[in-house]
């Protein structure tokens, strides 16, 4: 009889321990996912800022090239007298 009661409590304790372990692991996994999500959001924000900076740099380069082309065109036009 005592062994039956021991087994009853032992199996009950194992069940609750397994239940606790499983939920603890799930809670830990959720926390890990939240942390990764926050890191991904920071990466996205950084990449968006870099994209804006690169776009601005490309516009500056385009404007600079357009200005240089205009200068060269005007110099060549002046050398020929009537344009290219």
Protein backbone atom coordinates (compact mmCIF):
# COMPACT_ATOMS: atom_id res chain seq x y z
CA UNK A 1 0.00 0.00 0.00
CA UNK A 2 2.76 2.44 0.86
CA UNK A 3 4.57 1.70 -2.36
CA UNK A 4 1.34 2.41 -4.27
CA UNK A 5 1.06 5.81 -2.55
CA UNK A 6 4.74 6.51 -3.25
CA UNK A 7 4.23 5.65 -6.91
CA UNK A 8 1.16 7.84 -7.05
CA UNK A 9 2.99 10.85 -5.64
CA UNK A 10 6.13 10.10 -7.61
CA UNK A 11 4.30 9.91 -10.93
CA UNK A 12 2.33 13.02 -10.00
CA UNK A 13 5.55 14.88 -9.21
CA UNK A 14 7.09 13.73 -12.47
CA UNK A 15 4.04 14.95 -14.36
CA UNK A 16 4.18 18.38 -12.75
CA UNK A 17 7.94 18.57 -13.21
CA UNK A 18 7.57 17.69 -16.89
CA UNK A 19 4.75 20.20 -17.22
CA UNK A 20 6.83 22.88 -15.50
CA UNK A 21 9.94 22.08 -17.57
CA UNK A 22 7.96 22.19 -20.80
CA UNK A 23 6.36 25.54 -19.98
CA UNK A 24 9.64 26.93 -18.70
CA UNK A 25 11.29 25.95 -21.98
CA UNK A 26 8.45 27.53 -23.95
CA UNK A 27 8.71 30.74 -21.93
CA UNK A 28 12.46 30.81 -22.52
CA UNK A 29 11.91 30.24 -26.24
CA UNK A 30 9.39 33.09 -26.36
CA UNK A 31 11.88 35.40 -24.66
CA UNK A 32 14.57 34.36 -27.15
CA UNK A 33 12.20 35.07 -30.03
CA UNK A 34 11.33 38.49 -28.60
CA UNK A 35 15.03 39.31 -28.31
CA UNK A 36 15.69 38.20 -31.90
CA UNK A 37 12.67 40.20 -33.09
CA UNK A 38 14.01 43.33 -31.41
CA UNK A 39 17.43 42.77 -32.99
CA UNK A 40 15.84 42.34 -36.40
CA UNK A 41 13.90 45.59 -35.98
CA UNK A 42 17.14 47.39 -35.15
CA UNK A 43 18.83 45.86 -38.21
CA UNK A 44 15.94 46.97 -40.43
CA UNK A 45 16.12 50.51 -39.09
CA UNK A 46 19.90 50.62 -39.66
CA UNK A 47 19.54 49.27 -43.20
CA UNK A 48 16.83 51.82 -44.02
CA UNK A 49 19.08 54.63 -42.81
CA UNK A 50 21.99 53.28 -44.87
CA UNK A 51 19.73 53.05 -47.91
CA UNK A 52 18.71 56.71 -47.53
CA UNK A 53 22.36 57.72 -47.17
CA UNK A 54 23.33 55.76 -50.30
CA UNK A 55 20.46 57.26 -52.27
CA UNK A 56 21.53 60.76 -51.25
CA UNK A 57 25.13 60.00 -52.23
CA UNK A 58 23.98 58.75 -55.64
CA UNK A 59 21.98 61.94 -56.23
CA UNK A 60 25.03 64.02 -55.32
CA UNK A 61 27.21 62.04 -57.73
CA UNK A 62 24.60 62.34 -60.49
CA UNK A 63 24.36 66.10 -60.01
CA UNK A 64 28.15 66.40 -60.01
CA UNK A 65 28.43 64.40 -63.24
CA UNK A 66 25.69 66.45 -64.88
CA UNK A 67 27.54 69.64 -63.96
CA UNK A 68 30.82 68.32 -65.33
CA UNK A 69 29.16 67.20 -68.56
CA UNK A 70 27.64 70.67 -68.95
CA UNK A 71 31.05 72.29 -68.38
CA UNK A 72 32.75 70.02 -70.92
CA UNK A 73 29.93 70.59 -73.42
CA UNK A 74 30.21 74.37 -73.08
CA UNK A 75 34.00 74.22 -73.47
CA UNK A 76 33.72 72.11 -76.61
CA UNK A 77 30.97 74.38 -77.94
CA UNK A 78 33.23 77.38 -77.41
CA UNK A 79 36.15 75.67 -79.20
CA UNK A 80 34.07 74.79 -82.27
CA UNK A 81 32.16 78.01 -82.30
CA UNK A 82 28.92 76.34 -83.32
CA UNK A 83 28.56 73.48 -80.90
CA UNK A 84 29.31 69.84 -81.18
